[in-house]
Amino acid sequence: MLLHHDPRQNYLLAALPSAEFDRLSPHLELVQLSLGQVLYESGHPLRHVYFPSTAIVSLLYMLENGASAEISVIGNEGIIGVSLFMGGETTPSRAVVQSEGEAYRLTGQLLKEEFSRAQSMQHLLLRYTQALLTQMAQTAVCNRHHSLDQQLCRWLLLSLDRSQSQEIVIMQELIASMFGLRREGVTEAAGHLQRGGLIRYSPGRIVVLDRAGLEQRTCECYAVVKRECDRLLPSHSIT
């Protein structure tokens, strides 16, 4: 049984060979991420990467007029800050904590050194990047071609896959910014799912009542992203 505060609650860290994990472990800093916290801003240099264990983080693409849209959601399957090991020091996206929880922070320099030194770390992070790019591409297609109800179902399912609960606590303003809506639009879309018996919704809180119903109501995009994540990424369970 693993301790509650264990870096291996993150699937990528858990998949590392013992020698590589042992090199990184002393440098992993446990941090508490609060709801709505911004981990990095668009265009700003990245200094750290984050391996979520119980937190969930949204990557939002920001426009010059302040509008935004979510391009991916990251939880304990991944890492925040791929630009650092892909050769860039900045990114046009903003990373915002969607669901509060814990993560393990590592300096970008240490990650880059390990990425260059260890082939297994390199392969693992490159596979993760491919899965992340798939999610970003599928999100763009979904936002263009599918209904808001379907998009919300997809987002809820992706969040559930990265959560330890059937309840999602999130600021209404953040949901609105993720979908490029006014708050009233979020309420209307959530109301459709609530009347269908799929969720129970109140401002700032969503409880999933019928996951199978969400899977039936969502579009193909959720299954595409999940298949690619299952194919490329390690999985494990913590008890």
Protein backbone atom coordinates (compact mmCIF):
# COMPACT_ATOMS: atom_id res chain seq x y z
CA MET A 1 0.00 0.00 0.00
CA LEU A 2 1.38 3.42 -0.95
CA LEU A 3 1.28 6.37 1.38
CA HIS A 4 -1.32 9.02 0.68
CA HIS A 5 1.40 11.55 -0.20
CA ASP A 6 3.34 9.55 -2.75
CA PRO A 7 4.66 10.91 -6.06
CA ARG A 8 3.71 7.61 -7.66
CA GLN A 9 0.07 8.65 -7.48
CA ASN A 10 1.06 10.35 -10.73
CA TYR A 11 1.07 7.73 -13.48
CA LEU A 12 4.16 9.07 -15.26
CA LEU A 13 6.28 9.09 -12.12
CA ALA A 14 4.99 5.63 -11.18
CA ALA A 15 6.07 4.28 -14.58
CA LEU A 16 9.71 5.37 -14.21
CA PRO A 17 12.32 2.68 -13.55
CA SER A 18 13.47 2.66 -9.93
CA ALA A 19 16.85 4.24 -10.67
CA GLU A 20 15.29 7.22 -12.47
CA PHE A 21 12.55 7.66 -9.89
CA ASP A 22 15.11 7.58 -7.08
CA ARG A 23 17.15 10.32 -8.78
CA LEU A 24 14.12 12.58 -9.11
CA SER A 25 12.34 11.78 -5.86
CA PRO A 26 14.45 13.99 -3.52
CA HIS A 27 13.78 16.99 -5.78
CA LEU A 28 10.00 16.56 -6.05
CA GLU A 29 8.22 19.18 -3.96
CA LEU A 30 4.69 18.42 -2.78
CA VAL A 31 2.50 21.48 -3.38
CA GLN A 32 -1.15 22.18 -2.68
CA LEU A 33 -2.94 23.67 -5.69
CA SER A 34 -6.02 25.79 -4.97
CA LEU A 35 -9.10 26.15 -7.16
CA GLY A 36 -8.53 28.81 -9.81
CA GLN A 37 -4.78 29.12 -9.15
CA VAL A 38 -2.76 30.09 -12.23
CA LEU A 39 0.37 27.94 -12.59
CA TYR A 40 1.69 29.87 -15.58
CA GLU A 41 0.52 32.63 -17.86
CA SER A 42 0.52 32.85 -21.64
CA GLY A 43 3.91 33.97 -22.93
CA HIS A 44 5.66 33.90 -19.55
CA PRO A 45 8.81 31.78 -19.02
CA LEU A 46 8.18 28.39 -17.42
CA ARG A 47 10.39 27.63 -14.41
CA HIS A 48 8.81 24.43 -13.11
CA VAL A 49 6.82 21.43 -14.24
CA TYR A 50 4.00 19.91 -12.20
CA PHE A 51 3.05 16.25 -11.86
CA PRO A 52 -0.56 16.27 -10.53
CA SER A 53 -1.51 13.57 -8.07
CA THR A 54 -5.01 14.65 -7.01
CA ALA A 55 -5.36 18.09 -8.65
CA ILE A 56 -6.73 18.67 -12.16
CA VAL A 57 -5.44 21.50 -14.34
CA SER A 58 -6.96 23.10 -17.45
CA LEU A 59 -4.88 24.55 -20.25
CA LEU A 60 -6.63 27.58 -21.73
CA TYR A 61 -5.73 29.31 -24.98
CA MET A 62 -5.90 33.06 -24.52
CA LEU A 63 -6.89 35.61 -27.18
CA GLU A 64 -5.77 39.22 -27.27
CA ASN A 65 -9.23 40.44 -26.28
CA GLY A 66 -9.16 38.32 -23.12
CA ALA A 67 -11.43 35.56 -24.41
CA SER A 68 -10.30 32.00 -23.79
CA ALA A 69 -11.11 28.37 -24.51
CA GLU A 70 -9.92 25.15 -22.94
CA ILE A 71 -7.59 23.08 -25.09
CA SER A 72 -6.85 20.23 -22.68
CA VAL A 73 -7.35 18.90 -19.17
CA ILE A 74 -4.50 17.29 -17.23
CA GLY A 75 -4.60 15.18 -14.08
CA ASN A 76 -2.64 12.35 -12.56
CA GLU A 77 -1.97 10.83 -15.97
CA GLY A 78 0.30 13.68 -17.02
CA ILE A 79 2.56 16.65 -16.55
CA ILE A 80 2.06 20.40 -16.85
CA GLY A 81 4.86 22.20 -18.68
CA VAL A 82 5.67 20.11 -21.75
CA SER A 83 7.18 23.17 -23.44
CA LEU A 84 10.21 22.90 -21.16
CA PHE A 85 11.38 19.50 -22.41
CA MET A 86 10.19 20.11 -25.98
CA GLY A 87 12.70 22.92 -26.40
CA GLY A 88 10.59 26.00 -25.67
CA GLU A 89 10.55 28.12 -22.55
CA THR A 90 7.12 29.72 -23.03
CA THR A 91 3.67 28.71 -24.29
CA PRO A 92 0.65 30.67 -25.55
CA SER A 93 -1.65 28.84 -23.11
CA ARG A 94 -2.53 29.53 -19.47
CA ALA A 95 -2.55 26.73 -16.89
CA VAL A 96 -5.36 27.09 -14.33
CA VAL A 97 -6.26 24.70 -11.52
CA GLN A 98 -9.68 23.28 -12.36
CA SER A 99 -10.02 21.01 -9.30
CA GLU A 100 -7.97 21.69 -6.20
CA GLY A 101 -5.60 19.07 -4.89
CA GLU A 102 -1.96 18.14 -4.79
CA ALA A 103 0.87 18.00 -7.29
CA TYR A 104 4.62 17.44 -7.27
CA ARG A 105 6.71 20.32 -8.56
CA LEU A 106 10.11 19.92 -10.17
CA THR A 107 12.43 22.58 -11.57
CA GLY A 108 12.51 22.69 -15.35
CA GLN A 109 16.28 22.38 -15.40
CA LEU A 110 16.24 19.08 -13.51
CA LEU A 111 13.57 17.70 -15.80
CA LYS A 112 15.54 18.67 -18.91
CA GLU A 113 18.67 17.01 -17.51
CA GLU A 114 16.77 13.80 -16.81
CA PHE A 115 15.07 13.96 -20.22
CA SER A 116 18.49 14.13 -21.90
CA ARG A 117 20.09 11.50 -19.65
CA ALA A 118 17.49 8.75 -19.45
CA GLN A 119 15.94 7.12 -22.51
CA SER A 120 12.98 5.71 -20.58
CA MET A 121 12.04 9.18 -19.28
CA GLN A 122 12.38 10.58 -22.78
CA HIS A 123 10.15 7.93 -24.35
CA LEU A 124 7.57 8.26 -21.59
CA LEU A 125 7.28 12.05 -21.92
CA LEU A 126 7.18 11.92 -25.72
CA ARG A 127 4.32 9.39 -25.62
CA TYR A 128 2.52 11.63 -23.17
CA THR A 129 3.01 14.60 -25.48
CA GLN A 130 1.45 12.63 -28.34
CA ALA A 131 -1.57 11.83 -26.17
CA LEU A 132 -1.84 15.48 -25.15
CA LEU A 133 -1.69 16.65 -28.77
CA THR A 134 -4.48 14.20 -29.60
CA GLN A 135 -6.63 15.68 -26.84
CA MET A 136 -5.92 19.22 -28.06
CA ALA A 137 -6.77 18.36 -31.67
CA GLN A 138 -9.93 16.50 -30.71
CA THR A 139 -11.03 19.37 -28.47
CA ALA A 140 -10.68 21.78 -31.40
CA VAL A 141 -12.82 19.50 -33.60
CA CYS A 142 -15.37 19.03 -30.83
CA ASN A 143 -15.70 22.77 -30.20
CA ARG A 144 -16.33 23.35 -33.89
CA HIS A 145 -18.71 20.52 -34.78
CA HIS A 146 -20.54 19.28 -31.68
CA SER A 147 -23.25 20.68 -29.46
CA LEU A 148 -22.55 22.34 -26.13
CA ASP A 149 -24.30 19.48 -24.34
CA GLN A 150 -21.93 16.99 -26.00
CA GLN A 151 -18.90 19.15 -25.19
CA LEU A 152 -19.93 19.38 -21.55
CA CYS A 153 -20.40 15.60 -21.38
CA ARG A 154 -16.93 15.09 -22.87
CA TRP A 155 -15.38 17.49 -20.38
CA LEU A 156 -17.15 15.87 -17.43
CA LEU A 157 -15.98 12.40 -18.47
CA LEU A 158 -12.38 13.54 -18.93
CA SER A 159 -12.53 15.18 -15.51
CA LEU A 160 -13.98 12.06 -13.88
CA ASP A 161 -11.20 9.94 -15.35
CA ARG A 162 -8.72 12.17 -13.51
CA SER A 163 -10.68 12.49 -10.28
CA GLN A 164 -11.15 10.41 -7.14
CA SER A 165 -14.76 11.52 -6.76
CA GLN A 166 -18.02 11.75 -8.67
CA GLU A 167 -18.25 15.38 -7.51
CA ILE A 168 -16.54 18.21 -9.36
CA VAL A 169 -16.04 21.49 -7.53
CA ILE A 170 -15.22 24.28 -9.96
CA MET A 171 -15.82 28.01 -10.26
CA GLN A 172 -18.66 28.87 -12.63
CA GLU A 173 -16.49 31.58 -14.19
CA LEU A 174 -13.82 29.00 -15.02
CA ILE A 175 -16.31 26.71 -16.75
CA ALA A 176 -17.56 29.69 -18.74
CA SER A 177 -14.03 30.65 -19.81
CA MET A 178 -13.23 27.07 -20.79
CA PHE A 179 -16.20 26.90 -23.16
CA GLY A 180 -16.08 30.54 -24.26
CA LEU A 181 -19.54 31.22 -22.78
CA ARG A 182 -21.32 33.62 -20.51
CA ARG A 183 -22.22 32.20 -17.10
CA GLU A 184 -25.85 31.94 -18.22
CA GLY A 185 -24.77 29.60 -21.03
CA VAL A 186 -23.10 27.26 -18.54
CA THR A 187 -26.25 27.19 -16.40
CA GLU A 188 -28.41 26.39 -19.42
CA ALA A 189 -26.18 23.56 -20.66
CA ALA A 190 -25.84 22.05 -17.18
CA GLY A 191 -29.61 22.33 -16.78
CA HIS A 192 -30.14 20.15 -19.84
CA LEU A 193 -28.01 17.38 -18.32
CA GLN A 194 -29.65 17.78 -14.92
CA ARG A 195 -33.14 17.43 -16.36
CA GLY A 196 -31.94 14.28 -18.07
CA GLY A 197 -30.94 12.83 -14.70
CA LEU A 198 -27.25 12.73 -15.59
CA ILE A 199 -25.91 15.28 -13.11
CA ARG A 200 -26.93 17.38 -10.14
CA TYR A 201 -25.81 20.96 -10.67
CA SER A 202 -25.46 24.01 -8.49
CA PRO A 203 -23.18 26.99 -9.12
CA GLY A 204 -19.63 25.82 -8.43
CA ARG A 205 -20.52 22.15 -7.97
CA ILE A 206 -21.42 19.26 -10.28
CA VAL A 207 -22.25 15.77 -9.04
CA VAL A 208 -22.33 13.04 -11.69
CA LEU A 209 -25.31 10.73 -11.16
CA ASP A 210 -25.18 8.63 -14.33
CA ARG A 211 -21.78 8.16 -15.94
CA ALA A 212 -23.08 5.63 -18.45
CA GLY A 213 -25.69 8.16 -19.51
CA LEU A 214 -22.98 10.77 -20.08
CA GLU A 215 -21.06 8.30 -22.23
CA GLN A 216 -24.17 7.67 -24.34
CA ARG A 217 -24.90 11.37 -24.73
CA THR A 218 -21.39 12.61 -25.51
CA CYS A 219 -19.84 12.72 -28.97
CA GLU A 220 -17.11 10.45 -30.36
CA CYS A 221 -14.38 12.81 -29.15
CA TYR A 222 -14.22 11.42 -25.62
CA ALA A 223 -13.67 7.85 -26.86
CA VAL A 224 -10.97 8.98 -29.31
CA VAL A 225 -9.01 10.74 -26.55
CA LYS A 226 -9.46 7.89 -24.07
CA ARG A 227 -8.32 5.23 -26.54
CA GLU A 228 -5.19 7.18 -27.35
CA CYS A 229 -4.40 7.77 -23.68
CA ASP A 230 -4.95 4.07 -22.90
CA ARG A 231 -2.72 3.10 -25.82
CA LEU A 232 0.15 5.46 -25.07
CA LEU A 233 0.18 5.98 -21.32
CA PRO A 234 0.77 3.77 -18.30
CA SER A 235 -2.03 3.16 -15.86
CA HIS A 236 -2.09 1.93 -12.29
CA SER A 237 -4.30 2.05 -9.25
CA ILE A 238 -3.45 3.40 -5.81
CA THR A 239 -5.13 1.76 -2.83
